[in-house]
Amino acid sequence: MPCVGFGPAGLRLGYGGGFIDRTLAALQPRPWSVGLSYAHGFVPLLKPLAGDVHLDTLLTEEGVMWERG
């Protein structure tokens, strides 16, 4: 899924509106979520809001930034 930016521990900064978070929360079983962003989109002080769903993997042009086990 597209990311405007990303933060620590799988946080995704989206386009506003929460569509992807609501969709992921409603799917059972929850699918593995992969975000796509540019590496310069890292926001170290990004804090989660209520309803935010953490990503399992984040890919940038520099490679895999993290992958949850």
C-alpha atoms as a PDB file:
ATOM      1  CA  MET A   1       0.000   0.000   0.000  1.00  0.00           C
ATOM      2  CA  PRO A   2       1.279   3.520  -0.688  1.00  0.00           C
ATOM      3  CA  CYS A   3       2.791   5.583   2.111  1.00  0.00           C
ATOM      4  CA  VAL A   4       3.352   9.338   2.148  1.00  0.00           C
ATOM      5  CA  GLY A   5       5.828   8.604   4.919  1.00  0.00           C
ATOM      6  CA  PHE A   6       6.499   6.125   7.688  1.00  0.00           C
ATOM      7  CA  GLY A   7       7.566   6.063  11.287  1.00  0.00           C
ATOM      8  CA  PRO A   8       9.119   3.621  13.726  1.00  0.00           C
ATOM      9  CA  ALA A   9       7.665   0.187  14.463  1.00  0.00           C
ATOM     10  CA  GLY A  10       5.539  -0.143  11.353  1.00  0.00           C
ATOM     11  CA  LEU A  11       3.675   3.145  11.450  1.00  0.00           C
ATOM     12  CA  ARG A  12       2.318   4.305   8.111  1.00  0.00           C
ATOM     13  CA  LEU A  13       1.579   7.890   7.161  1.00  0.00           C
ATOM     14  CA  GLY A  14      -1.174   7.724   4.569  1.00  0.00           C
ATOM     15  CA  TYR A  15      -3.231  10.175   2.588  1.00  0.00           C
ATOM     16  CA  GLY A  16      -5.756  10.851   5.365  1.00  0.00           C
ATOM     17  CA  GLY A  17      -9.161   9.291   5.710  1.00  0.00           C
ATOM     18  CA  GLY A  18      -8.189   5.950   7.234  1.00  0.00           C
ATOM     19  CA  PHE A  19      -9.523   3.755   4.403  1.00  0.00           C
ATOM     20  CA  ILE A  20      -6.565   1.347   4.442  1.00  0.00           C
ATOM     21  CA  ASP A  21      -6.527   1.092   8.254  1.00  0.00           C
ATOM     22  CA  ARG A  22     -10.267   0.331   8.382  1.00  0.00           C
ATOM     23  CA  THR A  23      -9.942  -2.217   5.579  1.00  0.00           C
ATOM     24  CA  LEU A  24      -7.025  -4.048   7.244  1.00  0.00           C
ATOM     25  CA  ALA A  25      -8.797  -4.057  10.614  1.00  0.00           C
ATOM     26  CA  ALA A  26     -11.936  -5.579   9.070  1.00  0.00           C
ATOM     27  CA  LEU A  27     -10.221  -8.407   7.166  1.00  0.00           C
ATOM     28  CA  GLN A  28     -10.050 -11.742   8.991  1.00  0.00           C
ATOM     29  CA  PRO A  29      -7.566 -13.268   8.915  1.00  0.00           C
ATOM     30  CA  ARG A  30      -5.572 -10.059   8.590  1.00  0.00           C
ATOM     31  CA  PRO A  31      -3.360 -10.189   5.489  1.00  0.00           C
ATOM     32  CA  TRP A  32       0.356  -9.448   5.564  1.00  0.00           C
ATOM     33  CA  SER A  33       0.640  -5.709   4.917  1.00  0.00           C
ATOM     34  CA  VAL A  34       3.423  -4.213   2.809  1.00  0.00           C
ATOM     35  CA  GLY A  35       3.952  -0.453   2.518  1.00  0.00           C
ATOM     36  CA  LEU A  36       5.823   1.324  -0.261  1.00  0.00           C
ATOM     37  CA  SER A  37       7.557   4.639   0.394  1.00  0.00           C
ATOM     38  CA  TYR A  38      10.648   6.653  -0.370  1.00  0.00           C
ATOM     39  CA  ALA A  39      13.406   6.333   2.225  1.00  0.00           C
ATOM     40  CA  HIS A  40      13.425  10.098   2.812  1.00  0.00           C
ATOM     41  CA  GLY A  41       9.797   9.764   4.023  1.00  0.00           C
ATOM     42  CA  PHE A  42      10.909   8.499   7.446  1.00  0.00           C
ATOM     43  CA  VAL A  43       9.311  10.572  10.243  1.00  0.00           C
ATOM     44  CA  PRO A  44      11.062   9.532  13.493  1.00  0.00           C
ATOM     45  CA  LEU A  45       8.583  11.286  15.809  1.00  0.00           C
ATOM     46  CA  LEU A  46       5.437   9.883  14.151  1.00  0.00           C
ATOM     47  CA  LYS A  47       2.985   8.707  16.829  1.00  0.00           C
ATOM     48  CA  PRO A  48       0.076   6.309  16.237  1.00  0.00           C
ATOM     49  CA  LEU A  49      -3.513   7.523  16.360  1.00  0.00           C
ATOM     50  CA  ALA A  50      -6.461   5.454  17.507  1.00  0.00           C
ATOM     51  CA  GLY A  51      -7.342   3.021  14.739  1.00  0.00           C
ATOM     52  CA  ASP A  52      -3.899   2.995  13.093  1.00  0.00           C
ATOM     53  CA  VAL A  53      -2.851  -0.455  11.890  1.00  0.00           C
ATOM     54  CA  HIS A  54       0.880  -1.179  11.852  1.00  0.00           C
ATOM     55  CA  LEU A  55       2.501  -2.486   8.680  1.00  0.00           C
ATOM     56  CA  ASP A  56       4.282  -5.831   8.609  1.00  0.00           C
ATOM     57  CA  THR A  57       6.880  -4.823   6.013  1.00  0.00           C
ATOM     58  CA  LEU A  58       8.064  -1.555   4.510  1.00  0.00           C
ATOM     59  CA  LEU A  59       9.904  -1.308   1.188  1.00  0.00           C
ATOM     60  CA  THR A  60      11.767   1.712  -0.157  1.00  0.00           C
ATOM     61  CA  GLU A  61      14.160   2.317  -3.033  1.00  0.00           C
ATOM     62  CA  GLU A  62      16.911   1.362  -0.554  1.00  0.00           C
ATOM     63  CA  GLY A  63      15.366  -2.047   0.155  1.00  0.00           C
ATOM     64  CA  VAL A  64      13.453  -3.556   3.056  1.00  0.00           C
ATOM     65  CA  MET A  65      13.318  -1.078   5.948  1.00  0.00           C
ATOM     66  CA  TRP A  66      11.766  -3.595   8.352  1.00  0.00           C
ATOM     67  CA  GLU A  67       9.923  -6.844   8.369  1.00  0.00           C
ATOM     68  CA  ARG A  68       7.995  -8.146  11.332  1.00  0.00           C
ATOM     69  CA  GLY A  69       8.431 -11.801  12.170  1.00  0.00           C
END
